[in-house]
């Protein structure tokens, strides 16, 4: 059974389809996001906030999130004591 993970602001992804989650800060990550945007394989789940993480999916789709990769990792691993706030500072 597929498990859904909140990636911020009510947006969810199927955890079975995630390949990796990385920080957006590196130049290669930014290039891959730009390429996905050009190829229309990008899903923007930032709700207009600054991109902090990039989620690579099995089907070559890239999703950007305003949450830190550590926050998403905690959610992926089922850590329910994740207290980072989605609104305002994230």
PDB file of N, CA and C in Angstrom:
ATOM      1  N   UNK A   1       0.850  -1.184   0.000  1.00  0.00           N
ATOM      2  CA  UNK A   1       0.000   0.000   0.000  1.00  0.00           C
ATOM      3  C   UNK A   1       0.893   1.244   0.000  1.00  0.00           C
ATOM      4  N   UNK A   2       0.585   2.181  -0.865  1.00  0.00           N
ATOM      5  CA  UNK A   2       1.367   3.407  -0.992  1.00  0.00           C
ATOM      6  C   UNK A   2       1.174   4.294   0.235  1.00  0.00           C
ATOM      7  N   UNK A   3       2.283   4.896   0.651  1.00  0.00           N
ATOM      8  CA  UNK A   3       2.242   5.837   1.766  1.00  0.00           C
ATOM      9  C   UNK A   3       2.476   7.233   1.197  1.00  0.00           C
ATOM     10  N   UNK A   4       1.660   8.199   1.616  1.00  0.00           N
ATOM     11  CA  UNK A   4       1.802   9.564   1.159  1.00  0.00           C
ATOM     12  C   UNK A   4       2.540  10.381   2.207  1.00  0.00           C
ATOM     13  N   UNK A   5       3.398  11.299   1.740  1.00  0.00           N
ATOM     14  CA  UNK A   5       4.175  12.140   2.638  1.00  0.00           C
ATOM     15  C   UNK A   5       3.878  13.596   2.305  1.00  0.00           C
ATOM     16  N   UNK A   6       3.611  14.384   3.331  1.00  0.00           N
ATOM     17  CA  UNK A   6       3.373  15.810   3.166  1.00  0.00           C
ATOM     18  C   UNK A   6       4.696  16.493   2.842  1.00  0.00           C
ATOM     19  N   UNK A   7       4.753  17.206   1.721  1.00  0.00           N
ATOM     20  CA  UNK A   7       5.979  17.912   1.331  1.00  0.00           C
ATOM     21  C   UNK A   7       5.825  19.417   1.517  1.00  0.00           C
ATOM     22  N   UNK A   8       4.784  19.812   2.210  1.00  0.00           N
ATOM     23  CA  UNK A   8       4.569  21.212   2.528  1.00  0.00           C
ATOM     24  C   UNK A   8       3.275  21.749   1.981  1.00  0.00           C
ATOM     25  N   UNK A   9       2.566  22.496   2.830  1.00  0.00           N
ATOM     26  CA  UNK A   9       1.376  23.239   2.435  1.00  0.00           C
ATOM     27  C   UNK A   9       0.282  22.353   1.857  1.00  0.00           C
ATOM     28  N   UNK A  10       0.144  21.151   2.406  1.00  0.00           N
ATOM     29  CA  UNK A  10      -0.915  20.241   1.980  1.00  0.00           C
ATOM     30  C   UNK A  10      -0.602  19.419   0.747  1.00  0.00           C
ATOM     31  N   UNK A  11       0.577  19.592   0.179  1.00  0.00           N
ATOM     32  CA  UNK A  11       0.977  18.808  -0.990  1.00  0.00           C
ATOM     33  C   UNK A  11       1.603  17.492  -0.521  1.00  0.00           C
ATOM     34  N   UNK A  12       1.260  16.402  -1.187  1.00  0.00           N
ATOM     35  CA  UNK A  12       1.757  15.091  -0.789  1.00  0.00           C
ATOM     36  C   UNK A  12       2.345  14.343  -1.983  1.00  0.00           C
ATOM     37  N   UNK A  13       3.282  13.440  -1.687  1.00  0.00           N
ATOM     38  CA  UNK A  13       3.855  12.573  -2.725  1.00  0.00           C
ATOM     39  C   UNK A  13       3.803  11.132  -2.241  1.00  0.00           C
ATOM     40  N   UNK A  14       3.808  10.224  -3.196  1.00  0.00           N
ATOM     41  CA  UNK A  14       3.849   8.798  -2.917  1.00  0.00           C
ATOM     42  C   UNK A  14       5.296   8.430  -2.569  1.00  0.00           C
ATOM     43  N   UNK A  15       5.543   7.973  -1.352  1.00  0.00           N
ATOM     44  CA  UNK A  15       6.910   7.676  -0.917  1.00  0.00           C
ATOM     45  C   UNK A  15       7.525   6.517  -1.682  1.00  0.00           C
ATOM     46  N   UNK A  16       6.707   5.640  -2.253  1.00  0.00           N
ATOM     47  CA  UNK A  16       7.231   4.511  -3.031  1.00  0.00           C
ATOM     48  C   UNK A  16       7.915   4.966  -4.323  1.00  0.00           C
ATOM     49  N   UNK A  17       7.633   6.160  -4.780  1.00  0.00           N
ATOM     50  CA  UNK A  17       8.149   6.660  -6.058  1.00  0.00           C
ATOM     51  C   UNK A  17       9.338   7.603  -5.907  1.00  0.00           C
ATOM     52  N   UNK A  18       9.718   7.932  -4.661  1.00  0.00           N
ATOM     53  CA  UNK A  18      10.830   8.858  -4.433  1.00  0.00           C
ATOM     54  C   UNK A  18      12.156   8.131  -4.628  1.00  0.00           C
ATOM     55  N   UNK A  19      13.056   8.742  -5.416  1.00  0.00           N
ATOM     56  CA  UNK A  19      14.410   8.211  -5.582  1.00  0.00           C
ATOM     57  C   UNK A  19      15.339   8.873  -4.574  1.00  0.00           C
ATOM     58  N   UNK A  20      15.309  10.212  -4.532  1.00  0.00           N
ATOM     59  CA  UNK A  20      16.184  10.927  -3.609  1.00  0.00           C
ATOM     60  C   UNK A  20      15.626  12.311  -3.320  1.00  0.00           C
ATOM     61  N   UNK A  21      16.085  12.893  -2.214  1.00  0.00           N
ATOM     62  CA  UNK A  21      15.746  14.261  -1.830  1.00  0.00           C
ATOM     63  C   UNK A  21      17.063  14.971  -1.563  1.00  0.00           C
ATOM     64  N   UNK A  22      17.292  16.099  -2.272  1.00  0.00           N
ATOM     65  CA  UNK A  22      18.546  16.831  -2.085  1.00  0.00           C
ATOM     66  C   UNK A  22      18.263  18.313  -1.839  1.00  0.00           C
ATOM     67  N   UNK A  23      19.282  19.012  -1.376  1.00  0.00           N
ATOM     68  CA  UNK A  23      19.206  20.451  -1.176  1.00  0.00           C
ATOM     69  C   UNK A  23      19.213  21.152  -2.527  1.00  0.00           C
ATOM     70  N   UNK A  24      18.522  22.265  -2.616  1.00  0.00           N
ATOM     71  CA  UNK A  24      18.463  23.043  -3.852  1.00  0.00           C
ATOM     72  C   UNK A  24      19.693  23.924  -4.038  1.00  0.00           C
ATOM     73  N   UNK A  25      20.520  24.062  -3.018  1.00  0.00           N
ATOM     74  CA  UNK A  25      21.602  25.043  -3.025  1.00  0.00           C
ATOM     75  C   UNK A  25      22.735  24.768  -4.011  1.00  0.00           C
ATOM     76  N   UNK A  26      22.931  23.551  -4.443  1.00  0.00           N
ATOM     77  CA  UNK A  26      24.059  23.260  -5.335  1.00  0.00           C
ATOM     78  C   UNK A  26      23.739  23.663  -6.777  1.00  0.00           C
ATOM     79  N   UNK A  27      24.786  24.026  -7.510  1.00  0.00           N
ATOM     80  CA  UNK A  27      24.610  24.398  -8.919  1.00  0.00           C
ATOM     81  C   UNK A  27      24.030  23.256  -9.755  1.00  0.00           C
ATOM     82  N   UNK A  28      24.495  22.001  -9.566  1.00  0.00           N
ATOM     83  CA  UNK A  28      23.905  20.904 -10.351  1.00  0.00           C
ATOM     84  C   UNK A  28      22.405  20.730 -10.084  1.00  0.00           C
ATOM     85  N   UNK A  29      21.984  20.899  -8.837  1.00  0.00           N
ATOM     86  CA  UNK A  29      20.556  20.780  -8.517  1.00  0.00           C
ATOM     87  C   UNK A  29      19.765  21.865  -9.232  1.00  0.00           C
ATOM     88  N   UNK A  30      20.297  23.083  -9.220  1.00  0.00           N
ATOM     89  CA  UNK A  30      19.609  24.191  -9.891  1.00  0.00           C
ATOM     90  C   UNK A  30      19.525  23.958 -11.396  1.00  0.00           C
ATOM     91  N   UNK A  31      20.598  23.404 -11.985  1.00  0.00           N
ATOM     92  CA  UNK A  31      20.574  23.092 -13.427  1.00  0.00           C
ATOM     93  C   UNK A  31      19.535  22.020 -13.740  1.00  0.00           C
ATOM     94  N   UNK A  32      19.453  21.000 -12.895  1.00  0.00           N
ATOM     95  CA  UNK A  32      18.475  19.920 -13.133  1.00  0.00           C
ATOM     96  C   UNK A  32      17.048  20.439 -13.006  1.00  0.00           C
ATOM     97  N   UNK A  33      16.812  21.330 -12.057  1.00  0.00           N
ATOM     98  CA  UNK A  33      15.480  21.923 -11.911  1.00  0.00           C
ATOM     99  C   UNK A  33      15.147  22.753 -13.144  1.00  0.00           C
ATOM    100  N   UNK A  34      16.105  23.540 -13.628  1.00  0.00           N
ATOM    101  CA  UNK A  34      15.874  24.348 -14.829  1.00  0.00           C
ATOM    102  C   UNK A  34      15.585  23.465 -16.036  1.00  0.00           C
ATOM    103  N   UNK A  35      16.325  22.372 -16.168  1.00  0.00           N
ATOM    104  CA  UNK A  35      16.105  21.434 -17.281  1.00  0.00           C
ATOM    105  C   UNK A  35      14.710  20.802 -17.182  1.00  0.00           C
ATOM    106  N   UNK A  36      14.312  20.415 -15.984  1.00  0.00           N
ATOM    107  CA  UNK A  36      12.980  19.823 -15.797  1.00  0.00           C
ATOM    108  C   UNK A  36      11.888  20.834 -16.130  1.00  0.00           C
ATOM    109  N   UNK A  37      12.118  22.086 -15.776  1.00  0.00           N
ATOM    110  CA  UNK A  37      11.148  23.137 -16.100  1.00  0.00           C
ATOM    111  C   UNK A  37      11.013  23.276 -17.616  1.00  0.00           C
ATOM    112  N   UNK A  38      12.137  23.274 -18.316  1.00  0.00           N
ATOM    113  CA  UNK A  38      12.121  23.392 -19.776  1.00  0.00           C
ATOM    114  C   UNK A  38      11.440  22.203 -20.435  1.00  0.00           C
ATOM    115  N   UNK A  39      11.614  21.014 -19.853  1.00  0.00           N
ATOM    116  CA  UNK A  39      11.017  19.793 -20.404  1.00  0.00           C
ATOM    117  C   UNK A  39       9.617  19.526 -19.856  1.00  0.00           C
ATOM    118  N   UNK A  40       9.113  20.440 -19.057  1.00  0.00           N
ATOM    119  CA  UNK A  40       7.793  20.334 -18.427  1.00  0.00           C
ATOM    120  C   UNK A  40       7.663  19.087 -17.557  1.00  0.00           C
ATOM    121  N   UNK A  41       8.744  18.748 -16.849  1.00  0.00           N
ATOM    122  CA  UNK A  41       8.748  17.631 -15.901  1.00  0.00           C
ATOM    123  C   UNK A  41       8.891  18.120 -14.468  1.00  0.00           C
ATOM    124  N   UNK A  42       8.595  19.393 -14.224  1.00  0.00           N
ATOM    125  CA  UNK A  42       8.773  19.989 -12.906  1.00  0.00           C
ATOM    126  C   UNK A  42       7.432  20.240 -12.248  1.00  0.00           C
ATOM    127  N   UNK A  43       7.334  19.869 -10.987  1.00  0.00           N
ATOM    128  CA  UNK A  43       6.161  20.199 -10.176  1.00  0.00           C
ATOM    129  C   UNK A  43       6.649  21.124  -9.072  1.00  0.00           C
ATOM    130  N   UNK A  44       6.085  22.322  -9.012  1.00  0.00           N
ATOM    131  CA  UNK A  44       6.468  23.318  -8.015  1.00  0.00           C
ATOM    132  C   UNK A  44       5.477  23.262  -6.853  1.00  0.00           C
ATOM    133  N   UNK A  45       5.934  22.765  -5.707  1.00  0.00           N
ATOM    134  CA  UNK A  45       5.089  22.654  -4.515  1.00  0.00           C
ATOM    135  C   UNK A  45       5.530  23.651  -3.445  1.00  0.00           C
ATOM    136  N   UNK A  46       6.133  24.767  -3.876  1.00  0.00           N
ATOM    137  CA  UNK A  46       6.662  25.743  -2.921  1.00  0.00           C
ATOM    138  C   UNK A  46       5.624  26.754  -2.455  1.00  0.00           C
ATOM    139  N   UNK A  47       4.497  26.830  -3.125  1.00  0.00           N
ATOM    140  CA  UNK A  47       3.463  27.818  -2.811  1.00  0.00           C
ATOM    141  C   UNK A  47       4.040  29.230  -2.841  1.00  0.00           C
ATOM    142  N   UNK A  48       4.966  29.496  -3.748  1.00  0.00           N
ATOM    143  CA  UNK A  48       5.539  30.818  -3.911  1.00  0.00           C
ATOM    144  C   UNK A  48       6.681  31.143  -2.968  1.00  0.00           C
ATOM    145  N   UNK A  49       7.061  30.186  -2.131  1.00  0.00           N
ATOM    146  CA  UNK A  49       8.171  30.420  -1.208  1.00  0.00           C
ATOM    147  C   UNK A  49       9.490  29.966  -1.828  1.00  0.00           C
ATOM    148  N   UNK A  50      10.575  30.258  -1.135  1.00  0.00           N
ATOM    149  CA  UNK A  50      11.904  29.916  -1.633  1.00  0.00           C
ATOM    150  C   UNK A  50      12.084  28.401  -1.688  1.00  0.00           C
ATOM    151  N   UNK A  51      12.629  27.900  -2.782  1.00  0.00           N
ATOM    152  CA  UNK A  51      12.893  26.472  -2.927  1.00  0.00           C
ATOM    153  C   UNK A  51      14.047  26.071  -2.024  1.00  0.00           C
ATOM    154  N   UNK A  52      13.826  25.016  -1.227  1.00  0.00           N
ATOM    155  CA  UNK A  52      14.878  24.526  -0.333  1.00  0.00           C
ATOM    156  C   UNK A  52      15.270  23.084  -0.615  1.00  0.00           C
ATOM    157  N   UNK A  53      14.377  22.320  -1.246  1.00  0.00           N
ATOM    158  CA  UNK A  53      14.720  20.929  -1.534  1.00  0.00           C
ATOM    159  C   UNK A  53      14.166  20.508  -2.886  1.00  0.00           C
ATOM    160  N   UNK A  54      14.840  19.503  -3.438  1.00  0.00           N
ATOM    161  CA  UNK A  54      14.471  18.950  -4.738  1.00  0.00           C
ATOM    162  C   UNK A  54      14.218  17.454  -4.547  1.00  0.00           C
ATOM    163  N   UNK A  55      13.063  16.994  -4.997  1.00  0.00           N
ATOM    164  CA  UNK A  55      12.673  15.589  -4.855  1.00  0.00           C
ATOM    165  C   UNK A  55      12.669  14.970  -6.245  1.00  0.00           C
ATOM    166  N   UNK A  56      13.468  13.935  -6.421  1.00  0.00           N
ATOM    167  CA  UNK A  56      13.530  13.223  -7.696  1.00  0.00           C
ATOM    168  C   UNK A  56      12.627  12.000  -7.609  1.00  0.00           C
ATOM    169  N   UNK A  57      11.735  11.871  -8.583  1.00  0.00           N
ATOM    170  CA  UNK A  57      10.776  10.775  -8.608  1.00  0.00           C
ATOM    171  C   UNK A  57      11.171   9.739  -9.663  1.00  0.00           C
ATOM    172  N   UNK A  58      10.626   8.534  -9.548  1.00  0.00           N
ATOM    173  CA  UNK A  58      10.931   7.426 -10.467  1.00  0.00           C
ATOM    174  C   UNK A  58      10.647   7.751 -11.931  1.00  0.00           C
ATOM    175  N   UNK A  59       9.622   8.512 -12.194  1.00  0.00           N
ATOM    176  CA  UNK A  59       9.189   8.758 -13.578  1.00  0.00           C
ATOM    177  C   UNK A  59       9.865   9.981 -14.202  1.00  0.00           C
ATOM    178  N   UNK A  60      11.042  10.354 -13.705  1.00  0.00           N
ATOM    179  CA  UNK A  60      11.811  11.501 -14.190  1.00  0.00           C
ATOM    180  C   UNK A  60      11.169  12.844 -13.878  1.00  0.00           C
ATOM    181  N   UNK A  61      10.161  12.867 -13.041  1.00  0.00           N
ATOM    182  CA  UNK A  61       9.575  14.115 -12.582  1.00  0.00           C
ATOM    183  C   UNK A  61      10.409  14.638 -11.427  1.00  0.00           C
ATOM    184  N   UNK A  62      10.577  15.957 -11.386  1.00  0.00           N
ATOM    185  CA  UNK A  62      11.267  16.609 -10.279  1.00  0.00           C
ATOM    186  C   UNK A  62      10.264  17.500  -9.577  1.00  0.00           C
ATOM    187  N   UNK A  63      10.251  17.425  -8.247  1.00  0.00           N
ATOM    188  CA  UNK A  63       9.357  18.239  -7.433  1.00  0.00           C
ATOM    189  C   UNK A  63      10.212  19.139  -6.555  1.00  0.00           C
ATOM    190  N   UNK A  64       9.868  20.429  -6.503  1.00  0.00           N
ATOM    191  CA  UNK A  64      10.578  21.336  -5.604  1.00  0.00           C
ATOM    192  C   UNK A  64       9.663  21.682  -4.437  1.00  0.00           C
ATOM    193  N   UNK A  65      10.282  21.783  -3.258  1.00  0.00           N
ATOM    194  CA  UNK A  65       9.546  22.052  -2.025  1.00  0.00           C
ATOM    195  C   UNK A  65      10.223  23.178  -1.252  1.00  0.00           C
ATOM    196  N   UNK A  66       9.444  23.898  -0.463  1.00  0.00           N
ATOM    197  CA  UNK A  66       9.966  24.970   0.381  1.00  0.00           C
ATOM    198  C   UNK A  66      10.456  24.433   1.722  1.00  0.00           C
ATOM    199  N   UNK A  67      10.346  23.144   1.944  1.00  0.00           N
ATOM    200  CA  UNK A  67      10.816  22.555   3.198  1.00  0.00           C
ATOM    201  C   UNK A  67      12.253  22.073   3.052  1.00  0.00           C
ATOM    202  N   UNK A  68      12.980  22.081   4.154  1.00  0.00           N
ATOM    203  CA  UNK A  68      14.358  21.608   4.174  1.00  0.00           C
ATOM    204  C   UNK A  68      14.408  20.105   3.878  1.00  0.00           C
ATOM    205  N   UNK A  69      15.474  19.625   3.232  1.00  0.00           N
ATOM    206  CA  UNK A  69      15.605  18.181   2.998  1.00  0.00           C
ATOM    207  C   UNK A  69      15.549  17.371   4.306  1.00  0.00           C
ATOM    208  N   UNK A  70      16.098  17.906   5.387  1.00  0.00           N
ATOM    209  CA  UNK A  70      16.065  17.207   6.677  1.00  0.00           C
ATOM    210  C   UNK A  70      14.637  17.018   7.178  1.00  0.00           C
ATOM    211  N   UNK A  71      13.804  18.037   6.981  1.00  0.00           N
ATOM    212  CA  UNK A  71      12.399  17.948   7.377  1.00  0.00           C
ATOM    213  C   UNK A  71      11.693  16.852   6.579  1.00  0.00           C
ATOM    214  N   UNK A  72      11.940  16.850   5.271  1.00  0.00           N
ATOM    215  CA  UNK A  72      11.315  15.827   4.425  1.00  0.00           C
ATOM    216  C   UNK A  72      11.832  14.437   4.778  1.00  0.00           C
ATOM    217  N   UNK A  73      13.113  14.330   5.082  1.00  0.00           N
ATOM    218  CA  UNK A  73      13.688  13.043   5.487  1.00  0.00           C
ATOM    219  C   UNK A  73      13.031  12.536   6.764  1.00  0.00           C
ATOM    220  N   UNK A  74      12.838  13.421   7.717  1.00  0.00           N
ATOM    221  CA  UNK A  74      12.159  13.027   8.961  1.00  0.00           C
ATOM    222  C   UNK A  74      10.751  12.537   8.682  1.00  0.00           C
ATOM    223  N   UNK A  75      10.054  13.220   7.808  1.00  0.00           N
ATOM    224  CA  UNK A  75       8.690  12.801   7.456  1.00  0.00           C
ATOM    225  C   UNK A  75       8.708  11.471   6.712  1.00  0.00           C
ATOM    226  N   UNK A  76       9.675  11.298   5.818  1.00  0.00           N
ATOM    227  CA  UNK A  76       9.807  10.047   5.072  1.00  0.00           C
ATOM    228  C   UNK A  76      10.028   8.875   6.025  1.00  0.00           C
ATOM    229  N   UNK A  77      10.842   9.106   7.049  1.00  0.00           N
ATOM    230  CA  UNK A  77      11.162   8.060   8.021  1.00  0.00           C
ATOM    231  C   UNK A  77      10.113   7.907   9.108  1.00  0.00           C
ATOM    232  N   UNK A  78       9.042   8.703   9.027  1.00  0.00           N
ATOM    233  CA  UNK A  78       7.946   8.550   9.972  1.00  0.00           C
ATOM    234  C   UNK A  78       8.175   9.183  11.322  1.00  0.00           C
ATOM    235  N   UNK A  79       9.114  10.114  11.424  1.00  0.00           N
ATOM    236  CA  UNK A  79       9.343  10.798  12.695  1.00  0.00           C
ATOM    237  C   UNK A  79       8.234  11.811  12.913  1.00  0.00           C
ATOM    238  N   UNK A  80       7.323  11.479  13.829  1.00  0.00           N
ATOM    239  CA  UNK A  80       6.157  12.318  14.054  1.00  0.00           C
ATOM    240  C   UNK A  80       6.461  13.513  14.936  1.00  0.00           C
ATOM    241  N   UNK A  81       7.664  13.566  15.523  1.00  0.00           N
ATOM    242  CA  UNK A  81       8.005  14.695  16.390  1.00  0.00           C
ATOM    243  C   UNK A  81       8.641  15.825  15.594  1.00  0.00           C
ATOM    244  N   UNK A  82       8.476  15.807  14.294  1.00  0.00           N
ATOM    245  CA  UNK A  82       8.984  16.859  13.416  1.00  0.00           C
ATOM    246  C   UNK A  82       8.205  18.134  13.729  1.00  0.00           C
ATOM    247  N   UNK A  83       8.888  19.140  14.288  1.00  0.00           N
ATOM    248  CA  UNK A  83       8.200  20.339  14.748  1.00  0.00           C
ATOM    249  C   UNK A  83       8.443  21.547  13.871  1.00  0.00           C
ATOM    250  N   UNK A  84       9.095  21.383  12.727  1.00  0.00           N
ATOM    251  CA  UNK A  84       9.344  22.539  11.877  1.00  0.00           C
ATOM    252  C   UNK A  84       8.045  23.062  11.304  1.00  0.00           C
ATOM    253  N   UNK A  85       7.941  24.362  11.261  1.00  0.00           N
ATOM    254  CA  UNK A  85       6.717  25.029  10.853  1.00  0.00           C
ATOM    255  C   UNK A  85       6.716  25.240   9.339  1.00  0.00           C
ATOM    256  N   UNK A  86       5.576  24.967   8.713  1.00  0.00           N
ATOM    257  CA  UNK A  86       5.477  25.137   7.278  1.00  0.00           C
ATOM    258  C   UNK A  86       5.202  26.578   6.890  1.00  0.00           C
ATOM    259  N   UNK A  87       4.536  27.303   7.721  1.00  0.00           N
ATOM    260  CA  UNK A  87       4.108  28.660   7.363  1.00  0.00           C
ATOM    261  C   UNK A  87       5.086  29.672   7.919  1.00  0.00           C
ATOM    262  N   UNK A  88       5.360  30.696   7.146  1.00  0.00           N
ATOM    263  CA  UNK A  88       6.221  31.775   7.611  1.00  0.00           C
ATOM    264  C   UNK A  88       7.672  31.513   7.344  1.00  0.00           C
ATOM    265  N   UNK A  89       8.392  30.837   8.252  1.00  0.00           N
ATOM    266  CA  UNK A  89       9.832  30.685   8.131  1.00  0.00           C
ATOM    267  C   UNK A  89      10.243  29.602   7.168  1.00  0.00           C
ATOM    268  N   UNK A  90       9.427  28.643   6.871  1.00  0.00           N
ATOM    269  CA  UNK A  90       9.784  27.562   5.939  1.00  0.00           C
ATOM    270  C   UNK A  90       9.508  27.968   4.531  1.00  0.00           C
TER     271      UNK A  90
END
